[in-house]
Amino acid sequence: MSRTLMYVKPGCPWCERQRERFRSEGVTWDELDATSDRAARAELIRLTSGTRIVPTVVHPDGTVQLGFDGHG
């Protein structure tokens, strides 16, 4: 089973809120820093249609959530 993937940037308060939510729900996830990883940044731009919203979460079923709580 694949894990949840979250695109983040350092110092993002909404990214930290999403981490807190994942912890409280027992969700395991991987993170990609969209500021230091060129491939991650390119994928984030593709997923967000160029808006670069963080956090962007890709769930194991393939659905994409833009922004904390889906409000990007």
PDB file of N, CA and C in Angstrom:
ATOM      1  N   MET A   1       0.851  -1.180   0.000  1.00  0.00           N
ATOM      2  CA  MET A   1       0.000   0.000   0.000  1.00  0.00           C
ATOM      3  C   MET A   1       0.889   1.232   0.000  1.00  0.00           C
ATOM      4  N   SER A   2       0.590   2.197  -0.854  1.00  0.00           N
ATOM      5  CA  SER A   2       1.402   3.400  -0.885  1.00  0.00           C
ATOM      6  C   SER A   2       0.991   4.343   0.244  1.00  0.00           C
ATOM      7  N   ARG A   3       1.915   5.222   0.556  1.00  0.00           N
ATOM      8  CA  ARG A   3       1.682   6.173   1.641  1.00  0.00           C
ATOM      9  C   ARG A   3       1.231   7.512   1.087  1.00  0.00           C
ATOM     10  N   THR A   4       0.711   8.314   1.969  1.00  0.00           N
ATOM     11  CA  THR A   4       0.338   9.674   1.637  1.00  0.00           C
ATOM     12  C   THR A   4       1.604  10.471   1.381  1.00  0.00           C
ATOM     13  N   LEU A   5       1.548  11.366   0.412  1.00  0.00           N
ATOM     14  CA  LEU A   5       2.686  12.205   0.057  1.00  0.00           C
ATOM     15  C   LEU A   5       2.286  13.661   0.212  1.00  0.00           C
ATOM     16  N   MET A   6       3.131  14.451   0.885  1.00  0.00           N
ATOM     17  CA  MET A   6       2.821  15.861   1.092  1.00  0.00           C
ATOM     18  C   MET A   6       3.966  16.726   0.582  1.00  0.00           C
ATOM     19  N   TYR A   7       3.620  17.666  -0.292  1.00  0.00           N
ATOM     20  CA  TYR A   7       4.571  18.664  -0.775  1.00  0.00           C
ATOM     21  C   TYR A   7       4.526  19.846   0.190  1.00  0.00           C
ATOM     22  N   VAL A   8       5.701  20.270   0.641  1.00  0.00           N
ATOM     23  CA  VAL A   8       5.798  21.307   1.677  1.00  0.00           C
ATOM     24  C   VAL A   8       6.867  22.325   1.312  1.00  0.00           C
ATOM     25  N   LYS A   9       6.922  23.418   2.105  1.00  0.00           N
ATOM     26  CA  LYS A   9       8.051  24.343   2.079  1.00  0.00           C
ATOM     27  C   LYS A   9       8.388  24.676   3.525  1.00  0.00           C
ATOM     28  N   PRO A  10       9.654  24.920   3.810  1.00  0.00           N
ATOM     29  CA  PRO A  10      10.071  25.216   5.182  1.00  0.00           C
ATOM     30  C   PRO A  10       9.334  26.439   5.739  1.00  0.00           C
ATOM     31  N   GLY A  11       8.969  26.345   7.010  1.00  0.00           N
ATOM     32  CA  GLY A  11       8.321  27.456   7.699  1.00  0.00           C
ATOM     33  C   GLY A  11       6.849  27.648   7.401  1.00  0.00           C
ATOM     34  N   CYS A  12       6.261  26.765   6.630  1.00  0.00           N
ATOM     35  CA  CYS A  12       4.847  26.893   6.260  1.00  0.00           C
ATOM     36  C   CYS A  12       3.961  26.488   7.440  1.00  0.00           C
ATOM     37  N   PRO A  13       3.190  27.438   7.997  1.00  0.00           N
ATOM     38  CA  PRO A  13       2.331  27.089   9.137  1.00  0.00           C
ATOM     39  C   PRO A  13       1.213  26.128   8.754  1.00  0.00           C
ATOM     40  N   TRP A  14       0.734  26.191   7.519  1.00  0.00           N
ATOM     41  CA  TRP A  14      -0.336  25.284   7.086  1.00  0.00           C
ATOM     42  C   TRP A  14       0.194  23.870   6.917  1.00  0.00           C
ATOM     43  N   CYS A  15       1.467  23.758   6.523  1.00  0.00           N
ATOM     44  CA  CYS A  15       2.087  22.433   6.433  1.00  0.00           C
ATOM     45  C   CYS A  15       2.170  21.808   7.823  1.00  0.00           C
ATOM     46  N   GLU A  16       2.532  22.611   8.813  1.00  0.00           N
ATOM     47  CA  GLU A  16       2.612  22.096  10.181  1.00  0.00           C
ATOM     48  C   GLU A  16       1.233  21.687  10.690  1.00  0.00           C
ATOM     49  N   ARG A  17       0.218  22.433  10.363  1.00  0.00           N
ATOM     50  CA  ARG A  17      -1.144  22.049  10.775  1.00  0.00           C
ATOM     51  C   ARG A  17      -1.551  20.728  10.138  1.00  0.00           C
ATOM     52  N   GLN A  18      -1.162  20.531   8.873  1.00  0.00           N
ATOM     53  CA  GLN A  18      -1.485  19.259   8.213  1.00  0.00           C
ATOM     54  C   GLN A  18      -0.730  18.121   8.880  1.00  0.00           C
ATOM     55  N   ARG A  19       0.526  18.348   9.251  1.00  0.00           N
ATOM     56  CA  ARG A  19       1.298  17.313   9.976  1.00  0.00           C
ATOM     57  C   ARG A  19       0.596  16.954  11.281  1.00  0.00           C
ATOM     58  N   GLU A  20       0.153  17.970  12.011  1.00  0.00           N
ATOM     59  CA  GLU A  20      -0.550  17.725  13.277  1.00  0.00           C
ATOM     60  C   GLU A  20      -1.804  16.897  13.042  1.00  0.00           C
ATOM     61  N   ARG A  21      -2.530  17.210  11.993  1.00  0.00           N
ATOM     62  CA  ARG A  21      -3.740  16.445  11.674  1.00  0.00           C
ATOM     63  C   ARG A  21      -3.384  14.996  11.350  1.00  0.00           C
ATOM     64  N   PHE A  22      -2.363  14.809  10.530  1.00  0.00           N
ATOM     65  CA  PHE A  22      -1.946  13.446  10.200  1.00  0.00           C
ATOM     66  C   PHE A  22      -1.563  12.683  11.464  1.00  0.00           C
ATOM     67  N   ARG A  23      -0.792  13.313  12.336  1.00  0.00           N
ATOM     68  CA  ARG A  23      -0.386  12.636  13.586  1.00  0.00           C
ATOM     69  C   ARG A  23      -1.606  12.239  14.413  1.00  0.00           C
ATOM     70  N   SER A  24      -2.556  13.152  14.539  1.00  0.00           N
ATOM     71  CA  SER A  24      -3.732  12.867  15.362  1.00  0.00           C
ATOM     72  C   SER A  24      -4.596  11.768  14.759  1.00  0.00           C
ATOM     73  N   GLU A  25      -4.549  11.625  13.429  1.00  0.00           N
ATOM     74  CA  GLU A  25      -5.348  10.603  12.745  1.00  0.00           C
ATOM     75  C   GLU A  25      -4.570   9.313  12.512  1.00  0.00           C
ATOM     76  N   GLY A  26      -3.299   9.295  12.899  1.00  0.00           N
ATOM     77  CA  GLY A  26      -2.478   8.101  12.710  1.00  0.00           C
ATOM     78  C   GLY A  26      -2.071   7.850  11.266  1.00  0.00           C
ATOM     79  N   VAL A  27      -2.056   8.894  10.470  1.00  0.00           N
ATOM     80  CA  VAL A  27      -1.680   8.776   9.062  1.00  0.00           C
ATOM     81  C   VAL A  27      -0.156   8.798   8.959  1.00  0.00           C
ATOM     82  N   THR A  28       0.396   7.889   8.162  1.00  0.00           N
ATOM     83  CA  THR A  28       1.823   7.938   7.853  1.00  0.00           C
ATOM     84  C   THR A  28       1.986   8.614   6.506  1.00  0.00           C
ATOM     85  N   TRP A  29       3.015   9.428   6.374  1.00  0.00           N
ATOM     86  CA  TRP A  29       3.193  10.173   5.141  1.00  0.00           C
ATOM     87  C   TRP A  29       4.674  10.413   4.867  1.00  0.00           C
ATOM     88  N   ASP A  30       4.944  10.752   3.628  1.00  0.00           N
ATOM     89  CA  ASP A  30       6.269  11.170   3.199  1.00  0.00           C
ATOM     90  C   ASP A  30       6.148  12.627   2.774  1.00  0.00           C
ATOM     91  N   GLU A  31       7.254  13.357   2.883  1.00  0.00           N
ATOM     92  CA  GLU A  31       7.258  14.764   2.500  1.00  0.00           C
ATOM     93  C   GLU A  31       8.297  15.027   1.426  1.00  0.00           C
ATOM     94  N   LEU A  32       7.965  15.969   0.553  1.00  0.00           N
ATOM     95  CA  LEU A  32       8.901  16.479  -0.436  1.00  0.00           C
ATOM     96  C   LEU A  32       8.953  17.991  -0.293  1.00  0.00           C
ATOM     97  N   ASP A  33      10.161  18.531  -0.155  1.00  0.00           N
ATOM     98  CA  ASP A  33      10.357  19.971  -0.024  1.00  0.00           C
ATOM     99  C   ASP A  33      10.375  20.580  -1.422  1.00  0.00           C
ATOM    100  N   ALA A  34       9.345  21.323  -1.740  1.00  0.00           N
ATOM    101  CA  ALA A  34       9.210  21.906  -3.068  1.00  0.00           C
ATOM    102  C   ALA A  34      10.150  23.081  -3.301  1.00  0.00           C
ATOM    103  N   THR A  35      10.871  23.512  -2.267  1.00  0.00           N
ATOM    104  CA  THR A  35      11.807  24.614  -2.451  1.00  0.00           C
ATOM    105  C   THR A  35      13.217  24.132  -2.768  1.00  0.00           C
ATOM    106  N   SER A  36      13.569  22.938  -2.342  1.00  0.00           N
ATOM    107  CA  SER A  36      14.935  22.459  -2.556  1.00  0.00           C
ATOM    108  C   SER A  36      15.035  21.290  -3.529  1.00  0.00           C
ATOM    109  N   ASP A  37      13.928  20.671  -3.856  1.00  0.00           N
ATOM    110  CA  ASP A  37      13.907  19.507  -4.743  1.00  0.00           C
ATOM    111  C   ASP A  37      13.264  19.919  -6.069  1.00  0.00           C
ATOM    112  N   ARG A  38      14.065  20.036  -7.111  1.00  0.00           N
ATOM    113  CA  ARG A  38      13.565  20.526  -8.410  1.00  0.00           C
ATOM    114  C   ARG A  38      12.468  19.640  -8.986  1.00  0.00           C
ATOM    115  N   ALA A  39      12.645  18.335  -8.874  1.00  0.00           N
ATOM    116  CA  ALA A  39      11.635  17.414  -9.401  1.00  0.00           C
ATOM    117  C   ALA A  39      10.327  17.554  -8.622  1.00  0.00           C
ATOM    118  N   ALA A  40      10.435  17.716  -7.303  1.00  0.00           N
ATOM    119  CA  ALA A  40       9.233  17.897  -6.471  1.00  0.00           C
ATOM    120  C   ALA A  40       8.533  19.199  -6.837  1.00  0.00           C
ATOM    121  N   ARG A  41       9.320  20.264  -7.061  1.00  0.00           N
ATOM    122  CA  ARG A  41       8.732  21.544  -7.433  1.00  0.00           C
ATOM    123  C   ARG A  41       7.993  21.433  -8.769  1.00  0.00           C
ATOM    124  N   ALA A  42       8.588  20.749  -9.728  1.00  0.00           N
ATOM    125  CA  ALA A  42       7.943  20.576 -11.028  1.00  0.00           C
ATOM    126  C   ALA A  42       6.638  19.792 -10.896  1.00  0.00           C
ATOM    127  N   GLU A  43       6.651  18.751 -10.070  1.00  0.00           N
ATOM    128  CA  GLU A  43       5.435  17.960  -9.869  1.00  0.00           C
ATOM    129  C   GLU A  43       4.378  18.767  -9.127  1.00  0.00           C
ATOM    130  N   LEU A  44       4.786  19.562  -8.145  1.00  0.00           N
ATOM    131  CA  LEU A  44       3.837  20.420  -7.425  1.00  0.00           C
ATOM    132  C   LEU A  44       3.172  21.400  -8.389  1.00  0.00           C
ATOM    133  N   ILE A  45       3.966  21.996  -9.259  1.00  0.00           N
ATOM    134  CA  ILE A  45       3.412  22.933 -10.243  1.00  0.00           C
ATOM    135  C   ILE A  45       2.397  22.219 -11.132  1.00  0.00           C
ATOM    136  N   ARG A  46       2.707  20.994 -11.539  1.00  0.00           N
ATOM    137  CA  ARG A  46       1.773  20.223 -12.362  1.00  0.00           C
ATOM    138  C   ARG A  46       0.490  19.912 -11.602  1.00  0.00           C
ATOM    139  N   LEU A  47       0.630  19.467 -10.360  1.00  0.00           N
ATOM    140  CA  LEU A  47      -0.534  19.085  -9.552  1.00  0.00           C
ATOM    141  C   LEU A  47      -1.441  20.265  -9.235  1.00  0.00           C
ATOM    142  N   THR A  48      -0.855  21.453  -9.084  1.00  0.00           N
ATOM    143  CA  THR A  48      -1.616  22.630  -8.674  1.00  0.00           C
ATOM    144  C   THR A  48      -1.931  23.569  -9.828  1.00  0.00           C
ATOM    145  N   SER A  49      -1.710  23.106 -11.044  1.00  0.00           N
ATOM    146  CA  SER A  49      -1.939  23.926 -12.250  1.00  0.00           C
ATOM    147  C   SER A  49      -1.186  25.253 -12.173  1.00  0.00           C
ATOM    148  N   GLY A  50       0.023  25.187 -11.622  1.00  0.00           N
ATOM    149  CA  GLY A  50       0.891  26.360 -11.582  1.00  0.00           C
ATOM    150  C   GLY A  50       0.783  27.243 -10.364  1.00  0.00           C
ATOM    151  N   THR A  51      -0.108  26.928  -9.444  1.00  0.00           N
ATOM    152  CA  THR A  51      -0.309  27.819  -8.300  1.00  0.00           C
ATOM    153  C   THR A  51       0.649  27.571  -7.137  1.00  0.00           C
ATOM    154  N   ARG A  52       1.302  26.421  -7.086  1.00  0.00           N
ATOM    155  CA  ARG A  52       2.302  26.080  -6.066  1.00  0.00           C
ATOM    156  C   ARG A  52       1.755  26.133  -4.634  1.00  0.00           C
ATOM    157  N   ILE A  53       0.560  25.693  -4.433  1.00  0.00           N
ATOM    158  CA  ILE A  53      -0.065  25.689  -3.108  1.00  0.00           C
ATOM    159  C   ILE A  53       0.576  24.614  -2.239  1.00  0.00           C
ATOM    160  N   VAL A  54       0.976  24.999  -1.027  1.00  0.00           N
ATOM    161  CA  VAL A  54       1.433  24.023  -0.033  1.00  0.00           C
ATOM    162  C   VAL A  54       0.626  24.207   1.234  1.00  0.00           C
ATOM    163  N   PRO A  55       0.361  23.143   1.929  1.00  0.00           N
ATOM    164  CA  PRO A  55       0.685  21.789   1.528  1.00  0.00           C
ATOM    165  C   PRO A  55      -0.224  21.315   0.400  1.00  0.00           C
ATOM    166  N   THR A  56       0.345  20.485  -0.454  1.00  0.00           N
ATOM    167  CA  THR A  56      -0.438  19.717  -1.410  1.00  0.00           C
ATOM    168  C   THR A  56      -0.247  18.265  -1.022  1.00  0.00           C
ATOM    169  N   VAL A  57      -1.355  17.572  -0.844  1.00  0.00           N
ATOM    170  CA  VAL A  57      -1.319  16.189  -0.370  1.00  0.00           C
ATOM    171  C   VAL A  57      -1.841  15.276  -1.471  1.00  0.00           C
ATOM    172  N   VAL A  58      -1.082  14.222  -1.737  1.00  0.00           N
ATOM    173  CA  VAL A  58      -1.526  13.179  -2.664  1.00  0.00           C
ATOM    174  C   VAL A  58      -1.810  11.950  -1.817  1.00  0.00           C
ATOM    175  N   HIS A  59      -3.091  11.562  -1.776  1.00  0.00           N
ATOM    176  CA  HIS A  59      -3.526  10.435  -0.963  1.00  0.00           C
ATOM    177  C   HIS A  59      -3.237   9.121  -1.696  1.00  0.00           C
ATOM    178  N   PRO A  60      -3.164   8.015  -0.957  1.00  0.00           N
ATOM    179  CA  PRO A  60      -2.866   6.714  -1.581  1.00  0.00           C
ATOM    180  C   PRO A  60      -3.811   6.336  -2.720  1.00  0.00           C
ATOM    181  N   ASP A  61      -5.034   6.830  -2.682  1.00  0.00           N
ATOM    182  CA  ASP A  61      -5.979   6.503  -3.762  1.00  0.00           C
ATOM    183  C   ASP A  61      -5.807   7.409  -4.983  1.00  0.00           C
ATOM    184  N   GLY A  62      -4.829   8.338  -4.913  1.00  0.00           N
ATOM    185  CA  GLY A  62      -4.543   9.218  -6.040  1.00  0.00           C
ATOM    186  C   GLY A  62      -5.220  10.568  -5.987  1.00  0.00           C
ATOM    187  N   THR A  63      -6.137  10.767  -5.037  1.00  0.00           N
ATOM    188  CA  THR A  63      -6.780  12.073  -4.944  1.00  0.00           C
ATOM    189  C   THR A  63      -5.775  13.104  -4.432  1.00  0.00           C
ATOM    190  N   VAL A  64      -5.958  14.336  -4.887  1.00  0.00           N
ATOM    191  CA  VAL A  64      -5.055  15.430  -4.544  1.00  0.00           C
ATOM    192  C   VAL A  64      -5.812  16.463  -3.736  1.00  0.00           C
ATOM    193  N   GLN A  65      -5.223  16.858  -2.614  1.00  0.00           N
ATOM    194  CA  GLN A  65      -5.802  17.870  -1.738  1.00  0.00           C
ATOM    195  C   GLN A  65      -4.893  19.091  -1.799  1.00  0.00           C
ATOM    196  N   LEU A  66      -5.444  20.219  -2.213  1.00  0.00           N
ATOM    197  CA  LEU A  66      -4.681  21.458  -2.295  1.00  0.00           C
ATOM    198  C   LEU A  66      -4.893  22.291  -1.040  1.00  0.00           C
ATOM    199  N   GLY A  67      -3.819  22.586  -0.340  1.00  0.00           N
ATOM    200  CA  GLY A  67      -3.903  23.406   0.855  1.00  0.00           C
ATOM    201  C   GLY A  67      -4.355  22.600   2.068  1.00  0.00           C
ATOM    202  N   PHE A  68      -4.154  23.191   3.240  1.00  0.00           N
ATOM    203  CA  PHE A  68      -4.594  22.541   4.468  1.00  0.00           C
ATOM    204  C   PHE A  68      -6.098  22.383   4.440  1.00  0.00           C
ATOM    205  N   ASP A  69      -6.557  21.200   4.738  1.00  0.00           N
ATOM    206  CA  ASP A  69      -7.991  20.911   4.802  1.00  0.00           C
ATOM    207  C   ASP A  69      -8.685  21.063   3.455  1.00  0.00           C
ATOM    208  N   GLY A  70      -7.898  21.006   2.382  1.00  0.00           N
ATOM    209  CA  GLY A  70      -8.488  21.075   1.052  1.00  0.00           C
ATOM    210  C   GLY A  70      -8.921  22.456   0.602  1.00  0.00           C
ATOM    211  N   HIS A  71      -8.482  23.478   1.307  1.00  0.00           N
ATOM    212  CA  HIS A  71      -8.849  24.850   0.953  1.00  0.00           C
ATOM    213  C   HIS A  71      -7.619  25.588   0.434  1.00  0.00           C
ATOM    214  N   GLY A  72      -7.290  25.361  -0.822  1.00  0.00           N
ATOM    215  CA  GLY A  72      -6.105  25.979  -1.387  1.00  0.00           C
ATOM    216  C   GLY A  72      -6.412  27.175  -2.228  1.00  0.00           C
TER     217      GLY A  72
END
